[in-house]
């Protein structure tokens, strides 16, 4: 299971509909809003 970097929800990598790759790593999201927020400013969510 992956953790959505925006809202911290648990996401199943096998069934996740929303994902993106940043700096060679794939991130999974629970909803399109979280994916959009992350893509606008990935470093904001990765430094915490």
N, C-alpha and C. Protein backbone atom coordinates (compact mmCIF):
# COMPACT_ATOMS: atom_id res chain seq x y z
N UNK A 1 0.84 -1.19 0.00
CA UNK A 1 0.00 0.00 0.00
C UNK A 1 0.88 1.25 0.00
N UNK A 2 0.42 2.23 -0.73
CA UNK A 2 1.12 3.52 -0.80
C UNK A 2 0.36 4.54 0.03
N UNK A 3 1.04 5.62 0.34
CA UNK A 3 0.41 6.73 1.08
C UNK A 3 0.28 7.91 0.12
N UNK A 4 -0.94 8.43 0.00
CA UNK A 4 -1.17 9.64 -0.80
C UNK A 4 -0.36 10.76 -0.16
N UNK A 5 0.59 11.37 -0.89
CA UNK A 5 1.44 12.40 -0.28
C UNK A 5 0.69 13.69 0.07
N UNK A 6 -0.50 13.87 -0.47
CA UNK A 6 -1.25 15.10 -0.20
C UNK A 6 -2.12 14.94 1.05
N UNK A 7 -2.97 13.92 1.08
CA UNK A 7 -3.92 13.78 2.20
C UNK A 7 -3.55 12.68 3.19
N UNK A 8 -2.48 11.92 2.85
CA UNK A 8 -1.95 10.85 3.71
C UNK A 8 -2.86 9.62 3.81
N UNK A 9 -3.84 9.49 2.93
CA UNK A 9 -4.68 8.28 2.91
C UNK A 9 -3.89 7.12 2.33
N UNK A 10 -4.27 5.91 2.70
CA UNK A 10 -3.66 4.71 2.15
C UNK A 10 -4.28 4.42 0.79
N UNK A 11 -3.42 4.11 -0.20
CA UNK A 11 -3.89 3.85 -1.55
C UNK A 11 -3.28 2.53 -2.03
N UNK A 12 -4.10 1.67 -2.61
CA UNK A 12 -3.61 0.40 -3.15
C UNK A 12 -3.02 0.65 -4.53
N UNK A 13 -1.73 0.37 -4.68
CA UNK A 13 -1.06 0.63 -5.95
C UNK A 13 -1.68 -0.15 -7.11
N UNK A 14 -2.22 -1.32 -6.82
CA UNK A 14 -2.78 -2.18 -7.87
C UNK A 14 -4.08 -1.63 -8.45
N UNK A 15 -4.83 -0.89 -7.64
CA UNK A 15 -6.14 -0.41 -8.10
C UNK A 15 -6.22 1.11 -8.20
N UNK A 16 -5.15 1.80 -7.89
CA UNK A 16 -5.17 3.27 -7.90
C UNK A 16 -5.45 3.81 -9.31
N UNK A 17 -6.42 4.69 -9.41
CA UNK A 17 -6.75 5.30 -10.70
C UNK A 17 -5.90 6.53 -10.96
N UNK A 18 -5.37 7.12 -9.91
CA UNK A 18 -4.64 8.38 -10.03
C UNK A 18 -3.21 8.20 -9.58
N UNK A 19 -2.27 8.43 -10.50
CA UNK A 19 -0.85 8.33 -10.16
C UNK A 19 -0.05 9.24 -11.06
N UNK A 20 1.14 9.58 -10.61
CA UNK A 20 2.04 10.41 -11.39
C UNK A 20 3.47 10.03 -11.02
N UNK A 21 4.38 10.34 -11.91
CA UNK A 21 5.79 10.08 -11.65
C UNK A 21 6.52 11.40 -11.49
N UNK A 22 7.32 11.50 -10.45
CA UNK A 22 8.09 12.71 -10.18
C UNK A 22 9.49 12.30 -9.78
N UNK A 23 10.48 12.81 -10.48
CA UNK A 23 11.89 12.48 -10.23
C UNK A 23 12.12 10.97 -10.19
N UNK A 24 11.48 10.25 -11.09
CA UNK A 24 11.70 8.82 -11.22
C UNK A 24 10.92 7.94 -10.25
N UNK A 25 10.12 8.54 -9.38
CA UNK A 25 9.34 7.77 -8.42
C UNK A 25 7.85 7.95 -8.71
N UNK A 26 7.09 6.86 -8.60
CA UNK A 26 5.65 6.92 -8.83
C UNK A 26 4.93 7.20 -7.51
N UNK A 27 4.01 8.14 -7.56
CA UNK A 27 3.18 8.49 -6.40
C UNK A 27 1.73 8.19 -6.74
N UNK A 28 0.99 7.69 -5.76
CA UNK A 28 -0.39 7.28 -5.95
C UNK A 28 -1.31 8.18 -5.14
N UNK A 29 -2.52 8.43 -5.69
CA UNK A 29 -3.46 9.37 -5.07
C UNK A 29 -4.85 8.77 -4.94
N UNK A 30 -5.57 9.22 -3.93
CA UNK A 30 -6.92 8.70 -3.68
C UNK A 30 -7.95 9.35 -4.60
N UNK A 31 -7.66 10.54 -5.09
CA UNK A 31 -8.64 11.30 -5.88
C UNK A 31 -7.92 12.24 -6.84
N UNK A 32 -8.61 12.68 -7.89
CA UNK A 32 -7.96 13.58 -8.86
C UNK A 32 -7.51 14.90 -8.25
N UNK A 33 -8.22 15.39 -7.24
CA UNK A 33 -7.84 16.66 -6.61
C UNK A 33 -6.47 16.58 -5.95
N UNK A 34 -6.20 15.46 -5.31
CA UNK A 34 -4.89 15.27 -4.66
C UNK A 34 -3.79 15.21 -5.72
N UNK A 35 -4.05 14.52 -6.82
CA UNK A 35 -3.07 14.42 -7.90
C UNK A 35 -2.75 15.80 -8.47
N UNK A 36 -3.79 16.59 -8.71
CA UNK A 36 -3.61 17.94 -9.27
C UNK A 36 -2.81 18.81 -8.30
N UNK A 37 -3.16 18.75 -7.02
CA UNK A 37 -2.44 19.55 -6.02
C UNK A 37 -0.96 19.18 -5.99
N UNK A 38 -0.68 17.88 -6.01
CA UNK A 38 0.71 17.42 -5.99
C UNK A 38 1.46 17.89 -7.23
N UNK A 39 0.86 17.75 -8.39
CA UNK A 39 1.53 18.13 -9.63
C UNK A 39 1.81 19.62 -9.72
N UNK A 40 0.99 20.44 -9.06
CA UNK A 40 1.22 21.89 -9.06
C UNK A 40 2.44 22.27 -8.24
N UNK A 41 2.70 21.54 -7.14
CA UNK A 41 3.83 21.86 -6.26
C UNK A 41 4.29 20.62 -5.51
N UNK A 42 4.96 19.67 -6.20
CA UNK A 42 5.36 18.41 -5.55
C UNK A 42 6.23 18.60 -4.31
N UNK A 43 7.16 19.53 -4.36
CA UNK A 43 8.08 19.71 -3.23
C UNK A 43 7.35 20.11 -1.95
N UNK A 44 6.24 20.80 -2.08
CA UNK A 44 5.45 21.20 -0.91
C UNK A 44 5.01 19.97 -0.12
N UNK A 45 4.67 18.89 -0.83
CA UNK A 45 4.16 17.69 -0.17
C UNK A 45 5.27 16.70 0.18
N UNK A 46 6.41 16.80 -0.45
CA UNK A 46 7.47 15.84 -0.20
C UNK A 46 8.40 16.25 0.94
N UNK A 47 8.43 17.51 1.32
CA UNK A 47 9.36 17.93 2.36
C UNK A 47 8.84 17.69 3.77
N UNK A 48 7.58 17.30 3.91
CA UNK A 48 7.06 17.07 5.26
C UNK A 48 7.35 15.67 5.76
